[in-house]
Amino acid sequence: NELDIQIVGMSATLPNLSLLARWLGAKSFSTDYRPVPLKELIKVGSSLYDQRGHHFKTLPDAPHEHIVHLCQETLTNGHNVLIFCPTKIWTEKIALLISDCLRSNAAAETDGLCLDFDGLQDILKQLSNLPLTLDPKLCQALGGAVAFHHAGFFQNFL
């Protein structure tokens, strides 16, 4: 009795898809379709350039806050932000930096971004009632409207 087994694998980052497909004796499908256009810019110092090397814009002088400025600008324009970091430590540090700055700037009403901090506190209260221990750094970041995830996250806190 012969069994037909179907494997569907998905990856946004697998560089050798055709090699893997050949090894599995499978068919591969790939596309560059994006439901939302991706705008790629290159940051050099305080300047942003498009893919053709044309100057796009200059960022404020505080280099450690460039990522915060770009996030605030994107959020103020009604869009979401997703940041990929190379390590767990960077993930947590960047999330906390952005969270702290969003909270400070919202308190100073300097960015035109309206965040519902009372609603965020309500969400944190509801999360605290779950039967698991929440990461304290995640709770801190959530208080400033930022969340993060990294490998091994739930291994430590379930």
N, C-alpha and C. Protein backbone atom coordinates (compact mmCIF):
# COMPACT_ATOMS: atom_id res chain seq x y z
N ASN A 1 0.84 -1.18 0.00
CA ASN A 1 0.00 0.00 0.00
C ASN A 1 0.89 1.24 0.00
N GLU A 2 0.84 2.05 -1.05
CA GLU A 2 1.70 3.22 -1.21
C GLU A 2 1.01 4.46 -0.63
N LEU A 3 1.75 5.20 0.16
CA LEU A 3 1.21 6.43 0.74
C LEU A 3 1.72 7.63 -0.04
N ASP A 4 0.86 8.57 -0.31
CA ASP A 4 1.26 9.84 -0.90
C ASP A 4 1.39 10.84 0.22
N ILE A 5 2.58 11.39 0.35
CA ILE A 5 2.83 12.38 1.39
C ILE A 5 3.10 13.71 0.72
N GLN A 6 2.43 14.74 1.19
CA GLN A 6 2.63 16.07 0.64
C GLN A 6 3.24 16.94 1.72
N ILE A 7 4.31 17.62 1.37
CA ILE A 7 4.95 18.55 2.29
C ILE A 7 4.86 19.93 1.66
N VAL A 8 4.35 20.87 2.43
CA VAL A 8 4.31 22.26 1.99
C VAL A 8 5.20 23.03 2.95
N GLY A 9 6.25 23.60 2.42
CA GLY A 9 7.17 24.38 3.25
C GLY A 9 7.19 25.81 2.76
N MET A 10 7.30 26.74 3.69
CA MET A 10 7.33 28.15 3.31
C MET A 10 8.49 28.82 4.02
N SER A 11 9.17 29.67 3.29
CA SER A 11 10.27 30.43 3.88
C SER A 11 10.42 31.74 3.14
N ALA A 12 10.66 32.78 3.89
CA ALA A 12 10.92 34.08 3.28
C ALA A 12 12.42 34.30 3.12
N THR A 13 13.22 33.42 3.69
CA THR A 13 14.66 33.68 3.73
C THR A 13 15.53 32.55 3.19
N LEU A 14 14.95 31.45 2.75
CA LEU A 14 15.74 30.31 2.31
C LEU A 14 16.47 30.65 1.01
N PRO A 15 17.80 30.70 1.01
CA PRO A 15 18.53 31.15 -0.17
C PRO A 15 18.69 30.07 -1.26
N ASN A 16 18.58 28.80 -0.91
CA ASN A 16 18.85 27.73 -1.88
C ASN A 16 17.60 26.86 -2.09
N LEU A 17 16.50 27.51 -2.40
CA LEU A 17 15.22 26.81 -2.55
C LEU A 17 15.27 25.75 -3.64
N SER A 18 15.86 26.06 -4.79
CA SER A 18 15.89 25.10 -5.90
C SER A 18 16.72 23.86 -5.52
N LEU A 19 17.81 24.05 -4.80
CA LEU A 19 18.63 22.93 -4.34
C LEU A 19 17.83 22.02 -3.40
N LEU A 20 17.11 22.62 -2.47
CA LEU A 20 16.29 21.86 -1.53
C LEU A 20 15.19 21.11 -2.29
N ALA A 21 14.56 21.76 -3.25
CA ALA A 21 13.50 21.12 -4.03
C ALA A 21 14.04 19.91 -4.79
N ARG A 22 15.22 20.05 -5.38
CA ARG A 22 15.82 18.91 -6.09
C ARG A 22 16.12 17.77 -5.12
N TRP A 23 16.65 18.08 -3.97
CA TRP A 23 17.00 17.07 -2.97
C TRP A 23 15.75 16.32 -2.50
N LEU A 24 14.64 17.04 -2.34
CA LEU A 24 13.39 16.42 -1.91
C LEU A 24 12.63 15.76 -3.06
N GLY A 25 13.09 16.02 -4.30
CA GLY A 25 12.33 15.54 -5.46
C GLY A 25 11.00 16.25 -5.54
N ALA A 26 11.00 17.54 -5.24
CA ALA A 26 9.77 18.31 -5.14
C ALA A 26 9.74 19.44 -6.16
N LYS A 27 8.62 20.08 -6.23
CA LYS A 27 8.46 21.27 -7.07
C LYS A 27 8.55 22.49 -6.16
N SER A 28 9.13 23.54 -6.67
CA SER A 28 9.19 24.76 -5.87
C SER A 28 8.40 25.86 -6.57
N PHE A 29 7.90 26.74 -5.79
CA PHE A 29 7.15 27.90 -6.28
C PHE A 29 7.67 29.11 -5.54
N SER A 30 7.97 30.15 -6.26
CA SER A 30 8.38 31.38 -5.60
C SER A 30 7.79 32.56 -6.37
N THR A 31 7.64 33.64 -5.66
CA THR A 31 7.09 34.85 -6.26
C THR A 31 7.68 36.06 -5.56
N ASP A 32 7.71 37.15 -6.26
CA ASP A 32 8.14 38.40 -5.64
C ASP A 32 6.96 39.34 -5.43
N TYR A 33 5.74 38.78 -5.57
CA TYR A 33 4.52 39.57 -5.36
C TYR A 33 4.46 40.06 -3.92
N ARG A 34 4.12 41.30 -3.74
CA ARG A 34 3.95 41.89 -2.41
C ARG A 34 2.62 42.64 -2.40
N PRO A 35 1.72 42.32 -1.49
CA PRO A 35 0.46 43.05 -1.44
C PRO A 35 0.66 44.51 -1.02
N VAL A 36 1.76 44.78 -0.33
CA VAL A 36 2.11 46.14 0.06
C VAL A 36 3.51 46.39 -0.48
N PRO A 37 3.70 47.46 -1.24
CA PRO A 37 5.04 47.71 -1.79
C PRO A 37 6.09 47.87 -0.69
N LEU A 38 7.26 47.34 -0.96
CA LEU A 38 8.38 47.45 -0.04
C LEU A 38 9.28 48.58 -0.52
N LYS A 39 9.51 49.55 0.34
CA LYS A 39 10.39 50.67 -0.01
C LYS A 39 11.71 50.43 0.71
N GLU A 40 12.76 50.20 -0.05
CA GLU A 40 14.07 49.94 0.53
C GLU A 40 14.93 51.19 0.42
N LEU A 41 15.50 51.58 1.54
CA LEU A 41 16.40 52.72 1.59
C LEU A 41 17.70 52.29 2.24
N ILE A 42 18.76 53.00 1.94
CA ILE A 42 20.08 52.71 2.48
C ILE A 42 20.48 53.88 3.37
N LYS A 43 20.87 53.57 4.61
CA LYS A 43 21.26 54.61 5.56
C LYS A 43 22.77 54.68 5.64
N VAL A 44 23.31 55.86 5.39
CA VAL A 44 24.74 56.13 5.54
C VAL A 44 24.85 57.37 6.41
N GLY A 45 25.35 57.18 7.63
CA GLY A 45 25.40 58.30 8.56
C GLY A 45 24.00 58.79 8.86
N SER A 46 23.75 60.07 8.60
CA SER A 46 22.43 60.65 8.83
C SER A 46 21.61 60.76 7.55
N SER A 47 22.11 60.19 6.47
CA SER A 47 21.42 60.32 5.18
C SER A 47 20.80 59.00 4.74
N LEU A 48 19.64 59.10 4.09
CA LEU A 48 18.98 57.96 3.48
C LEU A 48 19.04 58.11 1.97
N TYR A 49 19.33 56.99 1.29
CA TYR A 49 19.43 56.98 -0.17
C TYR A 49 18.52 55.88 -0.71
N ASP A 50 17.98 56.11 -1.93
CA ASP A 50 17.20 55.05 -2.55
C ASP A 50 18.15 54.03 -3.18
N GLN A 51 17.60 53.00 -3.81
CA GLN A 51 18.43 51.92 -4.35
C GLN A 51 19.31 52.37 -5.51
N ARG A 52 18.99 53.50 -6.12
CA ARG A 52 19.83 54.01 -7.21
C ARG A 52 20.91 54.96 -6.71
N GLY A 53 20.93 55.16 -5.38
CA GLY A 53 21.95 56.02 -4.80
C GLY A 53 21.56 57.48 -4.72
N HIS A 54 20.32 57.80 -5.02
CA HIS A 54 19.86 59.19 -4.94
C HIS A 54 19.48 59.53 -3.51
N HIS A 55 19.90 60.72 -3.08
CA HIS A 55 19.60 61.16 -1.72
C HIS A 55 18.09 61.24 -1.54
N PHE A 56 17.58 60.64 -0.46
CA PHE A 56 16.15 60.62 -0.19
C PHE A 56 15.79 61.62 0.91
N LYS A 57 16.54 61.59 2.02
CA LYS A 57 16.30 62.53 3.11
C LYS A 57 17.45 62.49 4.09
N THR A 58 17.52 63.52 4.94
CA THR A 58 18.51 63.59 6.01
C THR A 58 17.78 63.47 7.33
N LEU A 59 18.32 62.64 8.21
CA LEU A 59 17.71 62.39 9.52
C LEU A 59 18.24 63.40 10.54
N PRO A 60 17.54 63.54 11.68
CA PRO A 60 18.02 64.44 12.74
C PRO A 60 19.41 64.04 13.24
N ASP A 61 20.04 64.92 13.98
CA ASP A 61 21.43 64.73 14.37
C ASP A 61 21.72 63.61 15.36
N ALA A 62 20.76 63.16 16.15
CA ALA A 62 21.02 62.15 17.18
C ALA A 62 21.04 60.74 16.57
N PRO A 63 22.24 60.18 16.25
CA PRO A 63 22.32 58.89 15.55
C PRO A 63 21.62 57.75 16.27
N HIS A 64 21.70 57.70 17.61
CA HIS A 64 21.07 56.60 18.33
C HIS A 64 19.55 56.65 18.23
N GLU A 65 19.01 57.79 17.81
CA GLU A 65 17.56 57.92 17.69
C GLU A 65 17.07 57.86 16.25
N HIS A 66 17.94 57.57 15.29
CA HIS A 66 17.49 57.49 13.90
C HIS A 66 16.39 56.46 13.72
N ILE A 67 16.55 55.30 14.32
CA ILE A 67 15.54 54.26 14.17
C ILE A 67 14.22 54.69 14.82
N VAL A 68 14.32 55.40 15.93
CA VAL A 68 13.12 55.90 16.60
C VAL A 68 12.43 56.93 15.72
N HIS A 69 13.19 57.83 15.14
CA HIS A 69 12.62 58.85 14.25
C HIS A 69 11.89 58.20 13.08
N LEU A 70 12.52 57.21 12.46
CA LEU A 70 11.90 56.53 11.32
C LEU A 70 10.63 55.80 11.73
N CYS A 71 10.65 55.18 12.91
CA CYS A 71 9.44 54.49 13.41
C CYS A 71 8.32 55.48 13.66
N GLN A 72 8.63 56.59 14.34
CA GLN A 72 7.61 57.58 14.64
C GLN A 72 7.02 58.17 13.36
N GLU A 73 7.86 58.46 12.41
CA GLU A 73 7.40 59.01 11.14
C GLU A 73 6.45 58.03 10.44
N THR A 74 6.83 56.76 10.43
CA THR A 74 6.01 55.73 9.79
C THR A 74 4.68 55.56 10.50
N LEU A 75 4.70 55.51 11.84
CA LEU A 75 3.48 55.36 12.62
C LEU A 75 2.57 56.58 12.47
N THR A 76 3.15 57.77 12.48
CA THR A 76 2.38 59.00 12.33
C THR A 76 1.67 59.04 10.98
N ASN A 77 2.29 58.42 9.97
CA ASN A 77 1.67 58.36 8.64
C ASN A 77 0.66 57.23 8.52
N GLY A 78 0.35 56.56 9.65
CA GLY A 78 -0.69 55.55 9.67
C GLY A 78 -0.25 54.16 9.24
N HIS A 79 1.05 53.91 9.26
CA HIS A 79 1.57 52.60 8.85
C HIS A 79 2.14 51.87 10.06
N ASN A 80 2.43 50.59 9.89
CA ASN A 80 3.03 49.77 10.93
C ASN A 80 4.51 49.60 10.67
N VAL A 81 5.22 49.16 11.68
CA VAL A 81 6.67 48.98 11.58
C VAL A 81 7.02 47.56 12.04
N LEU A 82 7.88 46.90 11.28
CA LEU A 82 8.42 45.59 11.64
C LEU A 82 9.92 45.69 11.48
N ILE A 83 10.65 45.41 12.55
CA ILE A 83 12.11 45.52 12.55
C ILE A 83 12.70 44.15 12.80
N PHE A 84 13.67 43.76 12.00
CA PHE A 84 14.39 42.52 12.21
C PHE A 84 15.75 42.85 12.81
N CYS A 85 16.10 42.19 13.90
CA CYS A 85 17.38 42.40 14.58
C CYS A 85 18.18 41.11 14.54
N PRO A 86 19.51 41.22 14.54
CA PRO A 86 20.35 40.03 14.40
C PRO A 86 20.46 39.15 15.65
N THR A 87 20.17 39.70 16.82
CA THR A 87 20.32 38.91 18.05
C THR A 87 19.16 39.18 19.01
N LYS A 88 19.01 38.31 19.98
CA LYS A 88 18.00 38.46 21.02
C LYS A 88 18.25 39.76 21.81
N ILE A 89 19.49 40.01 22.14
CA ILE A 89 19.82 41.20 22.93
C ILE A 89 19.47 42.47 22.17
N TRP A 90 19.82 42.52 20.88
CA TRP A 90 19.48 43.69 20.06
C TRP A 90 17.97 43.85 19.97
N THR A 91 17.26 42.74 19.81
CA THR A 91 15.80 42.79 19.71
C THR A 91 15.21 43.48 20.94
N GLU A 92 15.64 43.06 22.10
CA GLU A 92 15.13 43.63 23.34
C GLU A 92 15.55 45.09 23.50
N LYS A 93 16.81 45.40 23.22
CA LYS A 93 17.29 46.78 23.39
C LYS A 93 16.59 47.75 22.45
N ILE A 94 16.43 47.36 21.19
CA ILE A 94 15.77 48.25 20.22
C ILE A 94 14.30 48.43 20.60
N ALA A 95 13.63 47.35 21.00
CA ALA A 95 12.22 47.45 21.40
C ALA A 95 12.06 48.39 22.59
N LEU A 96 12.94 48.27 23.58
CA LEU A 96 12.84 49.13 24.76
C LEU A 96 13.19 50.58 24.43
N LEU A 97 14.16 50.80 23.57
CA LEU A 97 14.52 52.16 23.15
C LEU A 97 13.33 52.83 22.47
N ILE A 98 12.72 52.13 21.51
CA ILE A 98 11.59 52.70 20.78
C ILE A 98 10.42 52.93 21.73
N SER A 99 10.14 51.97 22.59
CA SER A 99 9.05 52.09 23.55
C SER A 99 9.24 53.31 24.45
N ASP A 100 10.42 53.46 25.02
CA ASP A 100 10.70 54.59 25.91
C ASP A 100 10.56 55.92 25.18
N CYS A 101 11.07 55.99 23.96
CA CYS A 101 11.00 57.24 23.19
C CYS A 101 9.57 57.55 22.78
N LEU A 102 8.81 56.55 22.36
CA LEU A 102 7.40 56.79 22.00
C LEU A 102 6.63 57.32 23.21
N ARG A 103 6.88 56.72 24.36
CA ARG A 103 6.21 57.15 25.59
C ARG A 103 6.60 58.59 25.94
N SER A 104 7.89 58.90 25.88
CA SER A 104 8.37 60.25 26.21
C SER A 104 7.83 61.28 25.23
N ASN A 105 7.89 60.97 23.95
CA ASN A 105 7.43 61.93 22.94
C ASN A 105 5.92 62.11 23.00
N ALA A 106 5.19 61.06 23.31
CA ALA A 106 3.73 61.18 23.43
C ALA A 106 3.39 62.05 24.63
N ALA A 107 4.14 61.89 25.73
CA ALA A 107 3.90 62.70 26.92
C ALA A 107 4.19 64.17 26.62
N ALA A 108 5.20 64.43 25.79
CA ALA A 108 5.56 65.79 25.43
C ALA A 108 4.72 66.31 24.26
N GLU A 109 3.90 65.42 23.67
CA GLU A 109 3.05 65.75 22.53
C GLU A 109 3.84 66.41 21.41
N THR A 110 4.99 65.80 21.07
CA THR A 110 5.85 66.40 20.06
C THR A 110 5.75 65.74 18.69
N ASP A 111 5.06 64.61 18.58
CA ASP A 111 5.14 63.89 17.31
C ASP A 111 3.83 63.72 16.55
N GLY A 112 2.72 64.19 17.13
CA GLY A 112 1.44 64.05 16.44
C GLY A 112 0.89 62.63 16.46
N LEU A 113 1.54 61.74 17.17
CA LEU A 113 1.12 60.34 17.25
C LEU A 113 0.24 60.16 18.47
N CYS A 114 -0.96 59.63 18.28
CA CYS A 114 -1.89 59.41 19.39
C CYS A 114 -1.86 57.95 19.80
N LEU A 115 -1.33 57.66 20.96
CA LEU A 115 -1.29 56.29 21.47
C LEU A 115 -2.19 56.21 22.70
N ASP A 116 -2.93 55.13 22.80
CA ASP A 116 -3.85 54.91 23.90
C ASP A 116 -3.12 54.17 25.03
N PHE A 117 -2.41 54.92 25.87
CA PHE A 117 -1.63 54.31 26.93
C PHE A 117 -2.51 53.68 28.01
N ASP A 118 -3.71 54.25 28.24
CA ASP A 118 -4.63 53.63 29.19
C ASP A 118 -5.08 52.27 28.66
N GLY A 119 -5.35 52.19 27.36
CA GLY A 119 -5.73 50.92 26.74
C GLY A 119 -4.60 49.91 26.82
N LEU A 120 -3.37 50.37 26.64
CA LEU A 120 -2.21 49.49 26.75
C LEU A 120 -2.08 48.94 28.17
N GLN A 121 -2.32 49.77 29.16
CA GLN A 121 -2.26 49.30 30.55
C GLN A 121 -3.35 48.27 30.81
N ASP A 122 -4.52 48.45 30.20
CA ASP A 122 -5.60 47.47 30.34
C ASP A 122 -5.19 46.14 29.72
N ILE A 123 -4.54 46.19 28.57
CA ILE A 123 -4.06 44.96 27.91
C ILE A 123 -3.04 44.26 28.80
N LEU A 124 -2.11 45.02 29.37
CA LEU A 124 -1.11 44.43 30.26
C LEU A 124 -1.77 43.77 31.48
N LYS A 125 -2.81 44.41 32.00
CA LYS A 125 -3.53 43.84 33.15
C LYS A 125 -4.17 42.52 32.74
N GLN A 126 -4.79 42.48 31.55
CA GLN A 126 -5.41 41.24 31.07
C GLN A 126 -4.35 40.15 30.85
N LEU A 127 -3.20 40.53 30.29
CA LEU A 127 -2.12 39.56 30.07
C LEU A 127 -1.60 38.99 31.39
N SER A 128 -1.60 39.82 32.43
CA SER A 128 -1.09 39.35 33.72
C SER A 128 -1.99 38.27 34.32
N ASN A 129 -3.21 38.16 33.84
CA ASN A 129 -4.14 37.14 34.33
C ASN A 129 -3.97 35.80 33.61
N LEU A 130 -3.11 35.75 32.59
CA LEU A 130 -2.88 34.50 31.88
C LEU A 130 -2.06 33.55 32.74
N PRO A 131 -2.21 32.24 32.53
CA PRO A 131 -1.48 31.27 33.36
C PRO A 131 -0.05 31.05 32.89
N LEU A 132 0.68 32.13 32.63
CA LEU A 132 2.09 32.03 32.28
C LEU A 132 2.79 33.28 32.76
N THR A 133 4.09 33.18 32.89
CA THR A 133 4.88 34.31 33.34
C THR A 133 5.32 35.11 32.13
N LEU A 134 4.98 36.38 32.12
CA LEU A 134 5.37 37.25 31.01
C LEU A 134 6.77 37.80 31.23
N ASP A 135 7.48 37.93 30.14
CA ASP A 135 8.82 38.50 30.17
C ASP A 135 8.72 39.95 30.66
N PRO A 136 9.48 40.33 31.68
CA PRO A 136 9.40 41.70 32.19
C PRO A 136 9.79 42.75 31.14
N LYS A 137 10.74 42.42 30.26
CA LYS A 137 11.13 43.38 29.22
C LYS A 137 10.02 43.54 28.20
N LEU A 138 9.30 42.45 27.90
CA LEU A 138 8.16 42.55 26.99
C LEU A 138 7.08 43.43 27.61
N CYS A 139 6.79 43.25 28.89
CA CYS A 139 5.79 44.09 29.57
C CYS A 139 6.19 45.56 29.53
N GLN A 140 7.47 45.83 29.74
CA GLN A 140 7.97 47.20 29.70
C GLN A 140 7.78 47.78 28.30
N ALA A 141 8.13 47.01 27.28
CA ALA A 141 7.99 47.48 25.89
C ALA A 141 6.52 47.68 25.53
N LEU A 142 5.65 46.76 25.94
CA LEU A 142 4.22 46.87 25.64
C LEU A 142 3.62 48.15 26.23
N GLY A 143 4.14 48.58 27.37
CA GLY A 143 3.66 49.83 27.98
C GLY A 143 3.90 51.04 27.10
N GLY A 144 4.81 50.93 26.14
CA GLY A 144 5.08 52.01 25.20
C GLY A 144 4.66 51.67 23.79
N ALA A 145 3.72 50.73 23.65
CA ALA A 145 3.12 50.37 22.35
C ALA A 145 4.07 49.61 21.43
N VAL A 146 5.01 48.88 22.00
CA VAL A 146 5.97 48.09 21.21
C VAL A 146 5.94 46.65 21.72
N ALA A 147 5.99 45.72 20.80
CA ALA A 147 6.09 44.30 21.17
C ALA A 147 7.28 43.70 20.44
N PHE A 148 7.79 42.59 20.94
CA PHE A 148 8.89 41.90 20.26
C PHE A 148 8.77 40.41 20.47
N HIS A 149 9.45 39.69 19.63
CA HIS A 149 9.53 38.24 19.73
C HIS A 149 10.91 37.81 19.27
N HIS A 150 11.46 36.78 19.88
CA HIS A 150 12.73 36.21 19.43
C HIS A 150 12.74 34.71 19.71
N ALA A 151 13.66 34.03 19.09
CA ALA A 151 13.78 32.59 19.27
C ALA A 151 14.03 32.28 20.74
N GLY A 152 13.40 31.23 21.23
CA GLY A 152 13.58 30.84 22.61
C GLY A 152 12.73 31.61 23.59
N PHE A 153 11.94 32.54 23.08
CA PHE A 153 11.16 33.43 23.95
C PHE A 153 10.26 32.66 24.89
N PHE A 154 9.45 31.73 24.37
CA PHE A 154 8.50 31.02 25.20
C PHE A 154 9.15 29.90 25.99
N GLN A 155 10.32 29.44 25.60
CA GLN A 155 11.00 28.40 26.37
C GLN A 155 11.28 28.89 27.78
N ASN A 156 11.59 30.19 27.89
CA ASN A 156 11.96 30.74 29.17
C ASN A 156 10.79 31.11 30.06
N PHE A 157 9.61 31.29 29.48
CA PHE A 157 8.54 31.91 30.25
C PHE A 157 7.25 31.11 30.33
N LEU A 158 7.24 29.89 29.89
CA LEU A 158 6.02 29.08 30.04
C LEU A 158 6.12 28.23 31.29
